[in-house]
Amino acid sequence: MRHLLRMASYSSRTNMHARNLAIVWAPNLLRSKDIEATGFNGTAAFMEVRVQSIVVEFILTHVEQLFGDAPLRGTEGGDVGTAQ
């Protein structure tokens, strides 16, 4: 999570802020056996991935509170959780 937070700190250059990173990484970080087992498709799969991305975005915007407050090195500064 700290690595993804660091990546989000470069969002001014990459446009990969916390929300975009969450959308991309959520299906891998919070893999759903329900989707795999039942073969969800369409709306059900979209809703499951949406919930996953919301959870990952929350974690990314609260890394310090959840995992400790040691400062991150190599960040550009600014709010890494801000959607553009």
Protein backbone atom coordinates (compact mmCIF):
# COMPACT_ATOMS: atom_id res chain seq x y z
CA MET A 1 0.00 0.00 0.00
CA ARG A 2 2.85 2.37 0.75
CA HIS A 3 4.25 1.75 -2.71
CA LEU A 4 0.90 2.58 -4.32
CA LEU A 5 0.67 5.67 -2.13
CA ARG A 6 4.09 6.71 -3.37
CA MET A 7 2.94 6.14 -6.96
CA ALA A 8 -0.11 8.33 -6.25
CA SER A 9 2.19 11.13 -5.09
CA TYR A 10 3.34 11.45 -8.72
CA SER A 11 -0.21 11.86 -10.02
CA SER A 12 0.55 15.34 -11.35
CA ARG A 13 2.81 13.65 -13.90
CA THR A 14 1.08 10.31 -14.37
CA ASN A 15 -2.62 11.01 -13.66
CA MET A 16 -2.58 7.86 -11.52
CA HIS A 17 -4.06 9.29 -8.35
CA ALA A 18 -5.46 7.09 -5.58
CA ARG A 19 -8.78 6.50 -7.37
CA ASN A 20 -7.18 5.35 -10.64
CA LEU A 21 -4.68 3.14 -8.81
CA ALA A 22 -7.54 1.62 -6.82
CA ILE A 23 -9.51 0.84 -9.98
CA VAL A 24 -6.49 -0.86 -11.55
CA TRP A 25 -5.20 -2.75 -8.50
CA ALA A 26 -8.41 -3.62 -6.60
CA PRO A 27 -9.25 -6.79 -8.56
CA ASN A 28 -5.78 -8.16 -7.76
CA LEU A 29 -5.54 -6.99 -4.16
CA LEU A 30 -9.09 -8.00 -3.17
CA ARG A 31 -9.70 -10.96 -5.39
CA SER A 32 -13.27 -12.20 -5.24
CA LYS A 33 -13.85 -15.93 -5.16
CA ASP A 34 -17.56 -15.21 -5.75
CA ILE A 35 -16.84 -13.69 -9.15
CA GLU A 36 -14.51 -16.52 -10.10
CA ALA A 37 -16.70 -19.35 -8.78
CA THR A 38 -20.04 -18.21 -10.17
CA GLY A 39 -18.77 -16.55 -13.31
CA PHE A 40 -20.39 -13.20 -12.52
CA ASN A 41 -20.73 -11.05 -15.58
CA GLY A 42 -22.26 -7.74 -16.49
CA THR A 43 -23.74 -5.66 -13.70
CA ALA A 44 -22.95 -8.04 -10.84
CA ALA A 45 -19.25 -8.19 -11.73
CA PHE A 46 -19.11 -4.42 -12.20
CA MET A 47 -20.66 -3.83 -8.78
CA GLU A 48 -18.24 -6.25 -7.10
CA VAL A 49 -15.22 -4.56 -8.69
CA ARG A 50 -16.65 -1.15 -7.78
CA VAL A 51 -16.84 -2.14 -4.10
CA GLN A 52 -13.28 -3.49 -4.27
CA SER A 53 -11.99 -0.25 -5.76
CA ILE A 54 -13.74 1.84 -3.11
CA VAL A 55 -12.10 -0.23 -0.37
CA VAL A 56 -8.64 0.06 -1.93
CA GLU A 57 -9.07 3.81 -2.46
CA PHE A 58 -10.06 4.17 1.20
CA ILE A 59 -6.98 2.23 2.28
CA LEU A 60 -4.74 4.34 0.04
CA THR A 61 -6.13 7.60 1.40
CA HIS A 62 -5.69 6.39 4.99
CA VAL A 63 -2.37 4.49 4.82
CA GLU A 64 -0.78 6.49 7.64
CA GLN A 65 -3.73 5.95 10.00
CA LEU A 66 -4.01 2.25 9.18
CA PHE A 67 -0.35 1.23 8.97
CA GLY A 68 1.50 3.80 11.04
CA ASP A 69 2.63 7.35 10.65
CA ALA A 70 6.24 6.93 9.57
CA PRO A 71 6.87 9.51 6.84
CA LEU A 72 7.15 8.35 3.26
CA ARG A 73 10.37 9.12 1.42
CA GLY A 74 10.57 10.33 -2.17
CA THR A 75 7.12 11.91 -2.40
CA GLU A 76 6.39 15.14 -4.17
CA GLY A 77 3.97 16.26 -1.46
CA GLY A 78 0.38 17.25 -1.77
CA ASP A 79 -2.73 15.22 -1.10
CA VAL A 80 -2.28 11.84 -2.76
CA GLY A 81 -5.93 10.95 -2.27
CA THR A 82 -7.34 13.85 -4.23
CA ALA A 83 -9.22 12.84 -7.37
CA GLN A 84 -8.49 14.94 -10.43
